[in-house]
């Protein structure tokens, strides 16, 4: 009886290095965005309205934690109020969810 273990397709060394380089660039860009959110140079609703490519796969929860005066409890409440899972990504937000979050930050 054959086993149904799925294996990732093999990649060449160049492909692996390119993927590692891309992941590192995304991490650096996200860290810069989090610092901008923390300092107030960027607002979270600006990120939601027109998210850059590198933030589409970031968790909404993690990005909200970078906003001043928002801790784990307050972020959890905001997400619950908007019916958003803590595992949801910025790119995975529906228009309703995105709109509710923007409204919360503009009120």
PDB file of N, CA and C in Angstrom:
ATOM      1  N   UNK A   1       0.842  -1.170   0.000  1.00  0.00           N
ATOM      2  CA  UNK A   1       0.000   0.000   0.000  1.00  0.00           C
ATOM      3  C   UNK A   1       0.899   1.248   0.000  1.00  0.00           C
ATOM      4  N   UNK A   2       0.757   2.139  -1.000  1.00  0.00           N
ATOM      5  CA  UNK A   2       1.608   3.334  -1.064  1.00  0.00           C
ATOM      6  C   UNK A   2       1.172   4.365  -0.011  1.00  0.00           C
ATOM      7  N   UNK A   3       2.161   5.078   0.493  1.00  0.00           N
ATOM      8  CA  UNK A   3       1.848   6.131   1.464  1.00  0.00           C
ATOM      9  C   UNK A   3       1.548   7.425   0.718  1.00  0.00           C
ATOM     10  N   UNK A   4       0.732   8.234   1.307  1.00  0.00           N
ATOM     11  CA  UNK A   4       0.298   9.479   0.674  1.00  0.00           C
ATOM     12  C   UNK A   4       0.991  10.690   1.274  1.00  0.00           C
ATOM     13  N   UNK A   5       2.257  10.564   1.575  1.00  0.00           N
ATOM     14  CA  UNK A   5       3.005  11.698   2.103  1.00  0.00           C
ATOM     15  C   UNK A   5       3.332  12.645   0.960  1.00  0.00           C
ATOM     16  N   UNK A   6       2.975  13.868   1.123  1.00  0.00           N
ATOM     17  CA  UNK A   6       3.281  14.832   0.072  1.00  0.00           C
ATOM     18  C   UNK A   6       4.598  15.515   0.415  1.00  0.00           C
ATOM     19  N   UNK A   7       5.424  15.622  -0.555  1.00  0.00           N
ATOM     20  CA  UNK A   7       6.706  16.281  -0.363  1.00  0.00           C
ATOM     21  C   UNK A   7       6.710  17.568  -1.161  1.00  0.00           C
ATOM     22  N   UNK A   8       7.386  18.552  -0.611  1.00  0.00           N
ATOM     23  CA  UNK A   8       7.532  19.807  -1.341  1.00  0.00           C
ATOM     24  C   UNK A   8       8.395  19.530  -2.569  1.00  0.00           C
ATOM     25  N   UNK A   9       8.100  20.225  -3.654  1.00  0.00           N
ATOM     26  CA  UNK A   9       8.926  20.012  -4.839  1.00  0.00           C
ATOM     27  C   UNK A   9      10.369  20.431  -4.537  1.00  0.00           C
ATOM     28  N   UNK A  10      11.277  19.677  -5.108  1.00  0.00           N
ATOM     29  CA  UNK A  10      12.688  20.008  -4.859  1.00  0.00           C
ATOM     30  C   UNK A  10      13.032  21.302  -5.584  1.00  0.00           C
ATOM     31  N   UNK A  11      13.853  22.089  -4.944  1.00  0.00           N
ATOM     32  CA  UNK A  11      14.260  23.369  -5.515  1.00  0.00           C
ATOM     33  C   UNK A  11      15.762  23.382  -5.687  1.00  0.00           C
ATOM     34  N   UNK A  12      16.168  24.138  -6.660  1.00  0.00           N
ATOM     35  CA  UNK A  12      17.607  24.278  -6.872  1.00  0.00           C
ATOM     36  C   UNK A  12      18.172  25.199  -5.802  1.00  0.00           C
ATOM     37  N   UNK A  13      19.464  25.211  -5.669  1.00  0.00           N
ATOM     38  CA  UNK A  13      20.121  26.071  -4.697  1.00  0.00           C
ATOM     39  C   UNK A  13      19.788  27.537  -4.971  1.00  0.00           C
ATOM     40  N   UNK A  14      19.787  27.942  -6.234  1.00  0.00           N
ATOM     41  CA  UNK A  14      19.458  29.329  -6.582  1.00  0.00           C
ATOM     42  C   UNK A  14      18.033  29.677  -6.171  1.00  0.00           C
ATOM     43  N   UNK A  15      17.091  28.770  -6.381  1.00  0.00           N
ATOM     44  CA  UNK A  15      15.703  29.018  -6.001  1.00  0.00           C
ATOM     45  C   UNK A  15      15.575  29.169  -4.500  1.00  0.00           C
ATOM     46  N   UNK A  16      16.274  28.311  -3.744  1.00  0.00           N
ATOM     47  CA  UNK A  16      16.222  28.406  -2.284  1.00  0.00           C
ATOM     48  C   UNK A  16      16.835  29.712  -1.794  1.00  0.00           C
ATOM     49  N   UNK A  17      17.947  30.111  -2.383  1.00  0.00           N
ATOM     50  CA  UNK A  17      18.592  31.362  -1.984  1.00  0.00           C
ATOM     51  C   UNK A  17      17.736  32.572  -2.334  1.00  0.00           C
ATOM     52  N   UNK A  18      17.075  32.529  -3.487  1.00  0.00           N
ATOM     53  CA  UNK A  18      16.171  33.620  -3.871  1.00  0.00           C
ATOM     54  C   UNK A  18      15.002  33.721  -2.890  1.00  0.00           C
ATOM     55  N   UNK A  19      14.435  32.573  -2.506  1.00  0.00           N
ATOM     56  CA  UNK A  19      13.322  32.572  -1.564  1.00  0.00           C
ATOM     57  C   UNK A  19      13.774  33.095  -0.201  1.00  0.00           C
ATOM     58  N   UNK A  20      14.953  32.715   0.228  1.00  0.00           N
ATOM     59  CA  UNK A  20      15.489  33.197   1.500  1.00  0.00           C
ATOM     60  C   UNK A  20      15.731  34.703   1.455  1.00  0.00           C
ATOM     61  N   UNK A  21      16.262  35.182   0.345  1.00  0.00           N
ATOM     62  CA  UNK A  21      16.507  36.621   0.185  1.00  0.00           C
ATOM     63  C   UNK A  21      15.191  37.401   0.204  1.00  0.00           C
ATOM     64  N   UNK A  22      14.194  36.893  -0.480  1.00  0.00           N
ATOM     65  CA  UNK A  22      12.881  37.554  -0.510  1.00  0.00           C
ATOM     66  C   UNK A  22      12.263  37.583   0.886  1.00  0.00           C
ATOM     67  N   UNK A  23      12.342  36.468   1.605  1.00  0.00           N
ATOM     68  CA  UNK A  23      11.789  36.405   2.959  1.00  0.00           C
ATOM     69  C   UNK A  23      12.497  37.400   3.885  1.00  0.00           C
ATOM     70  N   UNK A  24      13.794  37.522   3.755  1.00  0.00           N
ATOM     71  CA  UNK A  24      14.542  38.467   4.581  1.00  0.00           C
ATOM     72  C   UNK A  24      14.153  39.911   4.266  1.00  0.00           C
ATOM     73  N   UNK A  25      13.974  40.227   2.983  1.00  0.00           N
ATOM     74  CA  UNK A  25      13.556  41.585   2.597  1.00  0.00           C
ATOM     75  C   UNK A  25      12.180  41.907   3.171  1.00  0.00           C
ATOM     76  N   UNK A  26      11.276  40.941   3.098  1.00  0.00           N
ATOM     77  CA  UNK A  26       9.922  41.144   3.626  1.00  0.00           C
ATOM     78  C   UNK A  26       9.979  41.371   5.129  1.00  0.00           C
ATOM     79  N   UNK A  27      10.803  40.589   5.849  1.00  0.00           N
ATOM     80  CA  UNK A  27      10.934  40.771   7.302  1.00  0.00           C
ATOM     81  C   UNK A  27      11.438  42.162   7.646  1.00  0.00           C
ATOM     82  N   UNK A  28      12.423  42.638   6.895  1.00  0.00           N
ATOM     83  CA  UNK A  28      12.984  43.972   7.145  1.00  0.00           C
ATOM     84  C   UNK A  28      11.928  45.046   6.872  1.00  0.00           C
ATOM     85  N   UNK A  29      11.198  44.917   5.763  1.00  0.00           N
ATOM     86  CA  UNK A  29      10.174  45.902   5.420  1.00  0.00           C
ATOM     87  C   UNK A  29       9.057  45.924   6.464  1.00  0.00           C
ATOM     88  N   UNK A  30       8.658  44.745   6.950  1.00  0.00           N
ATOM     89  CA  UNK A  30       7.619  44.689   7.980  1.00  0.00           C
ATOM     90  C   UNK A  30       8.113  45.322   9.275  1.00  0.00           C
ATOM     91  N   UNK A  31       9.364  45.080   9.625  1.00  0.00           N
ATOM     92  CA  UNK A  31       9.923  45.678  10.842  1.00  0.00           C
ATOM     93  C   UNK A  31       9.942  47.201  10.723  1.00  0.00           C
ATOM     94  N   UNK A  32      10.279  47.709   9.540  1.00  0.00           N
ATOM     95  CA  UNK A  32      10.271  49.161   9.324  1.00  0.00           C
ATOM     96  C   UNK A  32       8.852  49.716   9.443  1.00  0.00           C
ATOM     97  N   UNK A  33       7.880  48.996   8.901  1.00  0.00           N
ATOM     98  CA  UNK A  33       6.485  49.427   8.991  1.00  0.00           C
ATOM     99  C   UNK A  33       6.011  49.429  10.445  1.00  0.00           C
ATOM    100  N   UNK A  34       6.373  48.401  11.199  1.00  0.00           N
ATOM    101  CA  UNK A  34       5.989  48.348  12.611  1.00  0.00           C
ATOM    102  C   UNK A  34       6.597  49.512  13.387  1.00  0.00           C
ATOM    103  N   UNK A  35       7.850  49.865  13.079  1.00  0.00           N
ATOM    104  CA  UNK A  35       8.473  51.019  13.740  1.00  0.00           C
ATOM    105  C   UNK A  35       7.741  52.304  13.362  1.00  0.00           C
ATOM    106  N   UNK A  36       7.332  52.423  12.093  1.00  0.00           N
ATOM    107  CA  UNK A  36       6.596  53.611  11.646  1.00  0.00           C
ATOM    108  C   UNK A  36       5.233  53.699  12.336  1.00  0.00           C
ATOM    109  N   UNK A  37       4.577  52.559  12.528  1.00  0.00           N
ATOM    110  CA  UNK A  37       3.299  52.544  13.243  1.00  0.00           C
ATOM    111  C   UNK A  37       3.505  52.960  14.699  1.00  0.00           C
ATOM    112  N   UNK A  38       4.537  52.427  15.308  1.00  0.00           N
ATOM    113  CA  UNK A  38       4.804  52.726  16.714  1.00  0.00           C
ATOM    114  C   UNK A  38       5.136  54.199  16.924  1.00  0.00           C
ATOM    115  N   UNK A  39       5.874  54.796  15.976  1.00  0.00           N
ATOM    116  CA  UNK A  39       6.266  56.202  16.120  1.00  0.00           C
ATOM    117  C   UNK A  39       5.169  57.166  15.678  1.00  0.00           C
ATOM    118  N   UNK A  40       4.150  56.657  14.990  1.00  0.00           N
ATOM    119  CA  UNK A  40       3.067  57.516  14.523  1.00  0.00           C
ATOM    120  C   UNK A  40       3.300  58.098  13.139  1.00  0.00           C
ATOM    121  N   UNK A  41       4.399  57.711  12.477  1.00  0.00           N
ATOM    122  CA  UNK A  41       4.668  58.189  11.116  1.00  0.00           C
ATOM    123  C   UNK A  41       3.660  57.641  10.117  1.00  0.00           C
ATOM    124  N   UNK A  42       3.126  56.464  10.414  1.00  0.00           N
ATOM    125  CA  UNK A  42       2.121  55.817   9.576  1.00  0.00           C
ATOM    126  C   UNK A  42       0.956  55.423  10.473  1.00  0.00           C
ATOM    127  N   UNK A  43      -0.244  55.492   9.945  1.00  0.00           N
ATOM    128  CA  UNK A  43      -1.397  55.054  10.720  1.00  0.00           C
ATOM    129  C   UNK A  43      -1.870  53.702  10.209  1.00  0.00           C
ATOM    130  N   UNK A  44      -2.504  52.954  11.108  1.00  0.00           N
ATOM    131  CA  UNK A  44      -2.946  51.612  10.742  1.00  0.00           C
ATOM    132  C   UNK A  44      -4.018  51.649   9.661  1.00  0.00           C
ATOM    133  N   UNK A  45      -4.883  52.664   9.696  1.00  0.00           N
ATOM    134  CA  UNK A  45      -5.914  52.730   8.656  1.00  0.00           C
ATOM    135  C   UNK A  45      -5.307  52.996   7.290  1.00  0.00           C
ATOM    136  N   UNK A  46      -4.173  53.705   7.221  1.00  0.00           N
ATOM    137  CA  UNK A  46      -3.480  53.897   5.937  1.00  0.00           C
ATOM    138  C   UNK A  46      -2.991  52.554   5.400  1.00  0.00           C
ATOM    139  N   UNK A  47      -2.484  51.723   6.291  1.00  0.00           N
ATOM    140  CA  UNK A  47      -2.002  50.397   5.896  1.00  0.00           C
ATOM    141  C   UNK A  47      -3.161  49.539   5.404  1.00  0.00           C
ATOM    142  N   UNK A  48      -4.311  49.646   6.057  1.00  0.00           N
ATOM    143  CA  UNK A  48      -5.473  48.848   5.660  1.00  0.00           C
ATOM    144  C   UNK A  48      -6.055  49.294   4.322  1.00  0.00           C
ATOM    145  N   UNK A  49      -6.089  50.603   4.100  1.00  0.00           N
ATOM    146  CA  UNK A  49      -6.706  51.125   2.879  1.00  0.00           C
ATOM    147  C   UNK A  49      -5.886  50.755   1.648  1.00  0.00           C
ATOM    148  N   UNK A  50      -4.576  50.896   1.749  1.00  0.00           N
ATOM    149  CA  UNK A  50      -3.705  50.590   0.607  1.00  0.00           C
ATOM    150  C   UNK A  50      -2.494  49.803   1.096  1.00  0.00           C
ATOM    151  N   UNK A  51      -2.685  48.495   1.385  1.00  0.00           N
ATOM    152  CA  UNK A  51      -1.578  47.717   1.944  1.00  0.00           C
ATOM    153  C   UNK A  51      -0.489  47.427   0.916  1.00  0.00           C
ATOM    154  N   UNK A  52       0.777  47.640   1.303  1.00  0.00           N
ATOM    155  CA  UNK A  52       1.878  47.262   0.415  1.00  0.00           C
ATOM    156  C   UNK A  52       1.937  45.737   0.270  1.00  0.00           C
ATOM    157  N   UNK A  53       2.558  45.267  -0.783  1.00  0.00           N
ATOM    158  CA  UNK A  53       2.628  43.822  -1.055  1.00  0.00           C
ATOM    159  C   UNK A  53       3.231  43.031   0.101  1.00  0.00           C
ATOM    160  N   UNK A  54       4.274  43.571   0.716  1.00  0.00           N
ATOM    161  CA  UNK A  54       4.986  42.827   1.752  1.00  0.00           C
ATOM    162  C   UNK A  54       4.188  42.658   3.038  1.00  0.00           C
ATOM    163  N   UNK A  55       3.082  43.365   3.174  1.00  0.00           N
ATOM    164  CA  UNK A  55       2.297  43.253   4.399  1.00  0.00           C
ATOM    165  C   UNK A  55       1.034  42.406   4.195  1.00  0.00           C
ATOM    166  N   UNK A  56       0.749  41.999   2.990  1.00  0.00           N
ATOM    167  CA  UNK A  56      -0.471  41.239   2.707  1.00  0.00           C
ATOM    168  C   UNK A  56      -0.528  39.915   3.456  1.00  0.00           C
ATOM    169  N   UNK A  57       0.621  39.282   3.685  1.00  0.00           N
ATOM    170  CA  UNK A  57       0.635  37.991   4.367  1.00  0.00           C
ATOM    171  C   UNK A  57       0.911  38.128   5.865  1.00  0.00           C
ATOM    172  N   UNK A  58       0.989  39.359   6.364  1.00  0.00           N
ATOM    173  CA  UNK A  58       1.205  39.582   7.798  1.00  0.00           C
ATOM    174  C   UNK A  58      -0.114  39.435   8.549  1.00  0.00           C
ATOM    175  N   UNK A  59      -0.047  38.957   9.759  1.00  0.00           N
ATOM    176  CA  UNK A  59      -1.238  38.804  10.592  1.00  0.00           C
ATOM    177  C   UNK A  59      -1.718  40.175  11.072  1.00  0.00           C
ATOM    178  N   UNK A  60      -3.016  40.398  11.016  1.00  0.00           N
ATOM    179  CA  UNK A  60      -3.620  41.650  11.476  1.00  0.00           C
ATOM    180  C   UNK A  60      -3.284  41.854  12.953  1.00  0.00           C
ATOM    181  N   UNK A  61      -3.375  40.782  13.730  1.00  0.00           N
ATOM    182  CA  UNK A  61      -3.092  40.838  15.168  1.00  0.00           C
ATOM    183  C   UNK A  61      -1.688  41.386  15.426  1.00  0.00           C
ATOM    184  N   UNK A  62      -0.687  40.841  14.723  1.00  0.00           N
ATOM    185  CA  UNK A  62       0.696  41.272  14.930  1.00  0.00           C
ATOM    186  C   UNK A  62       0.898  42.735  14.549  1.00  0.00           C
ATOM    187  N   UNK A  63       0.264  43.167  13.476  1.00  0.00           N
ATOM    188  CA  UNK A  63       0.420  44.556  13.051  1.00  0.00           C
ATOM    189  C   UNK A  63      -0.273  45.498  14.033  1.00  0.00           C
ATOM    190  N   UNK A  64      -1.428  45.100  14.560  1.00  0.00           N
ATOM    191  CA  UNK A  64      -2.133  45.936  15.532  1.00  0.00           C
ATOM    192  C   UNK A  64      -1.334  46.104  16.826  1.00  0.00           C
ATOM    193  N   UNK A  65      -0.569  45.103  17.190  1.00  0.00           N
ATOM    194  CA  UNK A  65       0.251  45.204  18.401  1.00  0.00           C
ATOM    195  C   UNK A  65       1.307  46.298  18.283  1.00  0.00           C
ATOM    196  N   UNK A  66       1.616  46.722  17.074  1.00  0.00           N
ATOM    197  CA  UNK A  66       2.607  47.776  16.863  1.00  0.00           C
ATOM    198  C   UNK A  66       2.021  49.171  17.048  1.00  0.00           C
ATOM    199  N   UNK A  67       0.703  49.252  17.099  1.00  0.00           N
ATOM    200  CA  UNK A  67       0.039  50.550  17.260  1.00  0.00           C
ATOM    201  C   UNK A  67       0.151  50.967  18.728  1.00  0.00           C
ATOM    202  N   UNK A  68       0.578  52.221  18.976  1.00  0.00           N
ATOM    203  CA  UNK A  68       0.684  52.676  20.364  1.00  0.00           C
ATOM    204  C   UNK A  68      -0.644  52.559  21.105  1.00  0.00           C
ATOM    205  N   UNK A  69      -0.553  52.235  22.380  1.00  0.00           N
ATOM    206  CA  UNK A  69      -1.692  52.115  23.293  1.00  0.00           C
ATOM    207  C   UNK A  69      -2.577  50.900  23.015  1.00  0.00           C
ATOM    208  N   UNK A  70      -2.134  49.992  22.152  1.00  0.00           N
ATOM    209  CA  UNK A  70      -2.885  48.763  21.920  1.00  0.00           C
ATOM    210  C   UNK A  70      -2.035  47.584  22.392  1.00  0.00           C
ATOM    211  N   UNK A  71      -2.538  46.897  23.401  1.00  0.00           N
ATOM    212  CA  UNK A  71      -1.872  45.704  23.894  1.00  0.00           C
ATOM    213  C   UNK A  71      -2.635  44.467  23.459  1.00  0.00           C
ATOM    214  N   UNK A  72      -2.213  43.342  23.979  1.00  0.00           N
ATOM    215  CA  UNK A  72      -2.824  42.068  23.583  1.00  0.00           C
ATOM    216  C   UNK A  72      -4.330  42.016  23.891  1.00  0.00           C
ATOM    217  N   UNK A  73      -4.718  42.494  25.047  1.00  0.00           N
ATOM    218  CA  UNK A  73      -6.131  42.424  25.437  1.00  0.00           C
ATOM    219  C   UNK A  73      -6.974  43.340  24.555  1.00  0.00           C
ATOM    220  N   UNK A  74      -6.529  44.572  24.370  1.00  0.00           N
ATOM    221  CA  UNK A  74      -7.302  45.527  23.566  1.00  0.00           C
ATOM    222  C   UNK A  74      -7.378  45.069  22.104  1.00  0.00           C
ATOM    223  N   UNK A  75      -6.277  44.553  21.573  1.00  0.00           N
ATOM    224  CA  UNK A  75      -6.275  44.059  20.190  1.00  0.00           C
ATOM    225  C   UNK A  75      -7.239  42.880  20.065  1.00  0.00           C
ATOM    226  N   UNK A  76      -7.209  41.985  21.035  1.00  0.00           N
ATOM    227  CA  UNK A  76      -8.139  40.848  21.021  1.00  0.00           C
ATOM    228  C   UNK A  76      -9.585  41.295  21.012  1.00  0.00           C
ATOM    229  N   UNK A  77      -9.893  42.315  21.822  1.00  0.00           N
ATOM    230  CA  UNK A  77     -11.266  42.843  21.861  1.00  0.00           C
ATOM    231  C   UNK A  77     -11.661  43.478  20.535  1.00  0.00           C
ATOM    232  N   UNK A  78     -10.737  44.255  19.945  1.00  0.00           N
ATOM    233  CA  UNK A  78     -11.033  44.890  18.649  1.00  0.00           C
ATOM    234  C   UNK A  78     -11.342  43.842  17.587  1.00  0.00           C
ATOM    235  N   UNK A  79     -10.514  42.810  17.544  1.00  0.00           N
ATOM    236  CA  UNK A  79     -10.715  41.775  16.535  1.00  0.00           C
ATOM    237  C   UNK A  79     -12.018  41.016  16.779  1.00  0.00           C
ATOM    238  N   UNK A  80     -12.328  40.753  18.035  1.00  0.00           N
ATOM    239  CA  UNK A  80     -13.589  40.068  18.361  1.00  0.00           C
ATOM    240  C   UNK A  80     -14.772  40.940  17.962  1.00  0.00           C
ATOM    241  N   UNK A  81     -14.681  42.225  18.250  1.00  0.00           N
ATOM    242  CA  UNK A  81     -15.763  43.162  17.908  1.00  0.00           C
ATOM    243  C   UNK A  81     -16.009  43.183  16.400  1.00  0.00           C
ATOM    244  N   UNK A  82     -14.934  43.094  15.617  1.00  0.00           N
ATOM    245  CA  UNK A  82     -15.061  43.125  14.148  1.00  0.00           C
ATOM    246  C   UNK A  82     -15.224  41.726  13.554  1.00  0.00           C
ATOM    247  N   UNK A  83     -15.335  40.728  14.409  1.00  0.00           N
ATOM    248  CA  UNK A  83     -15.465  39.331  13.970  1.00  0.00           C
ATOM    249  C   UNK A  83     -14.321  38.915  13.045  1.00  0.00           C
ATOM    250  N   UNK A  84     -13.094  39.160  13.518  1.00  0.00           N
ATOM    251  CA  UNK A  84     -11.897  38.823  12.762  1.00  0.00           C
ATOM    252  C   UNK A  84     -11.073  37.848  13.590  1.00  0.00           C
ATOM    253  N   UNK A  85     -10.660  36.757  12.980  1.00  0.00           N
ATOM    254  CA  UNK A  85      -9.805  35.778  13.649  1.00  0.00           C
ATOM    255  C   UNK A  85      -8.424  36.368  13.884  1.00  0.00           C
ATOM    256  N   UNK A  86      -7.771  35.964  14.981  1.00  0.00           N
ATOM    257  CA  UNK A  86      -6.417  36.434  15.251  1.00  0.00           C
ATOM    258  C   UNK A  86      -5.422  35.893  14.237  1.00  0.00           C
ATOM    259  N   UNK A  87      -5.803  34.861  13.511  1.00  0.00           N
ATOM    260  CA  UNK A  87      -4.921  34.273  12.504  1.00  0.00           C
ATOM    261  C   UNK A  87      -5.098  34.920  11.124  1.00  0.00           C
ATOM    262  N   UNK A  88      -6.033  35.846  10.990  1.00  0.00           N
ATOM    263  CA  UNK A  88      -6.338  36.469   9.689  1.00  0.00           C
ATOM    264  C   UNK A  88      -5.180  37.350   9.235  1.00  0.00           C
ATOM    265  N   UNK A  89      -4.896  37.310   7.939  1.00  0.00           N
ATOM    266  CA  UNK A  89      -3.852  38.164   7.373  1.00  0.00           C
ATOM    267  C   UNK A  89      -4.465  39.451   6.839  1.00  0.00           C
ATOM    268  N   UNK A  90      -3.630  40.461   6.669  1.00  0.00           N
ATOM    269  CA  UNK A  90      -4.095  41.740   6.115  1.00  0.00           C
ATOM    270  C   UNK A  90      -4.726  41.513   4.745  1.00  0.00           C
ATOM    271  N   UNK A  91      -4.078  40.714   3.913  1.00  0.00           N
ATOM    272  CA  UNK A  91      -4.588  40.450   2.574  1.00  0.00           C
ATOM    273  C   UNK A  91      -5.857  39.620   2.564  1.00  0.00           C
ATOM    274  N   UNK A  92      -6.118  38.895   3.649  1.00  0.00           N
ATOM    275  CA  UNK A  92      -7.277  38.025   3.725  1.00  0.00           C
ATOM    276  C   UNK A  92      -8.513  38.693   4.302  1.00  0.00           C
ATOM    277  N   UNK A  93      -8.403  39.966   4.651  1.00  0.00           N
ATOM    278  CA  UNK A  93      -9.559  40.673   5.208  1.00  0.00           C
ATOM    279  C   UNK A  93     -10.604  40.924   4.142  1.00  0.00           C
ATOM    280  N   UNK A  94     -11.869  40.755   4.527  1.00  0.00           N
ATOM    281  CA  UNK A  94     -12.952  41.088   3.604  1.00  0.00           C
ATOM    282  C   UNK A  94     -13.138  42.607   3.614  1.00  0.00           C
ATOM    283  N   UNK A  95     -13.907  43.108   2.672  1.00  0.00           N
ATOM    284  CA  UNK A  95     -14.176  44.546   2.628  1.00  0.00           C
ATOM    285  C   UNK A  95     -14.904  45.002   3.888  1.00  0.00           C
ATOM    286  N   UNK A  96     -15.826  44.173   4.387  1.00  0.00           N
ATOM    287  CA  UNK A  96     -16.547  44.507   5.609  1.00  0.00           C
ATOM    288  C   UNK A  96     -15.586  44.625   6.784  1.00  0.00           C
ATOM    289  N   UNK A  97     -14.708  43.636   6.938  1.00  0.00           N
ATOM    290  CA  UNK A  97     -13.754  43.646   8.046  1.00  0.00           C
ATOM    291  C   UNK A  97     -12.800  44.839   7.941  1.00  0.00           C
ATOM    292  N   UNK A  98     -12.318  45.068   6.747  1.00  0.00           N
ATOM    293  CA  UNK A  98     -11.407  46.197   6.510  1.00  0.00           C
ATOM    294  C   UNK A  98     -12.105  47.520   6.852  1.00  0.00           C
ATOM    295  N   UNK A  99     -13.353  47.645   6.399  1.00  0.00           N
ATOM    296  CA  UNK A  99     -14.118  48.867   6.664  1.00  0.00           C
ATOM    297  C   UNK A  99     -14.379  49.095   8.140  1.00  0.00           C
ATOM    298  N   UNK A 100     -14.718  48.017   8.870  1.00  0.00           N
ATOM    299  CA  UNK A 100     -14.972  48.133  10.306  1.00  0.00           C
ATOM    300  C   UNK A 100     -13.712  48.568  11.042  1.00  0.00           C
ATOM    301  N   UNK A 101     -12.572  48.006  10.672  1.00  0.00           N
ATOM    302  CA  UNK A 101     -11.314  48.397  11.324  1.00  0.00           C
ATOM    303  C   UNK A 101     -10.967  49.855  11.021  1.00  0.00           C
ATOM    304  N   UNK A 102     -11.136  50.276   9.762  1.00  0.00           N
ATOM    305  CA  UNK A 102     -10.853  51.665   9.395  1.00  0.00           C
ATOM    306  C   UNK A 102     -11.755  52.609  10.183  1.00  0.00           C
ATOM    307  N   UNK A 103     -13.062  52.248  10.290  1.00  0.00           N
ATOM    308  CA  UNK A 103     -14.006  53.063  11.058  1.00  0.00           C
ATOM    309  C   UNK A 103     -13.590  53.188  12.521  1.00  0.00           C
ATOM    310  N   UNK A 104     -13.116  52.081  13.099  1.00  0.00           N
ATOM    311  CA  UNK A 104     -12.674  52.118  14.489  1.00  0.00           C
ATOM    312  C   UNK A 104     -11.505  53.069  14.693  1.00  0.00           C
ATOM    313  N   UNK A 105     -10.609  53.104  13.725  1.00  0.00           N
ATOM    314  CA  UNK A 105      -9.433  53.959  13.863  1.00  0.00           C
ATOM    315  C   UNK A 105      -9.721  55.410  13.505  1.00  0.00           C
ATOM    316  N   UNK A 106     -10.801  55.668  12.786  1.00  0.00           N
ATOM    317  CA  UNK A 106     -11.149  57.047  12.434  1.00  0.00           C
ATOM    318  C   UNK A 106     -12.143  57.676  13.405  1.00  0.00           C
ATOM    319  N   UNK A 107     -12.630  56.876  14.352  1.00  0.00           N
ATOM    320  CA  UNK A 107     -13.605  57.444  15.294  1.00  0.00           C
ATOM    321  C   UNK A 107     -12.955  57.899  16.580  1.00  0.00           C
TER     322      UNK A 107
END
